[in-house]
Amino acid sequence: RFRLYSPADAGRLYTRGKLAKVHPNGRINYEGEETTAYGADVGSDAAARASRRQEEAERKLEEAERAAEEGEEGAQERLERAEEELERAMEAVLDAEMDGDEEDGDGVPAKGGLFDE
């Protein structure tokens, strides 16, 4: 027999760990094992979104550069905005890649480095 329960009933079920979150679709996250509603790693999902944002910013920058080369009115301001947007997108990518990595101030991870076991 197979039974489905409402996500609202998650707190009343016999679960295998301490509940951290119940997504609207019913996916249960346990403490230390958080995912997105569709089961992806939260960090990987953030990195993918940041990467898409960077690709879009690069496309806008290319368009703005072409407009500036062709001498379109307002192209210089558009170019400056595109450069700023790309800078923010690149920062978001770095932030997503570094999420969870702790540094001790010298750019080297404090623990969990390449050769740590």
Foldseek 3Di string as FASTA:
>chain_A
DDDDDQLVCVVVDDDDAAFDDQDNVGDTAHVPRDDPNVRHRPLVVQLVVLVVQLVVLVVQLVVLVVCVVVPHPPSVVSNVVSVVSNVVSVVSNVCSVCVPFDDPPPPAGPDPGPPHD
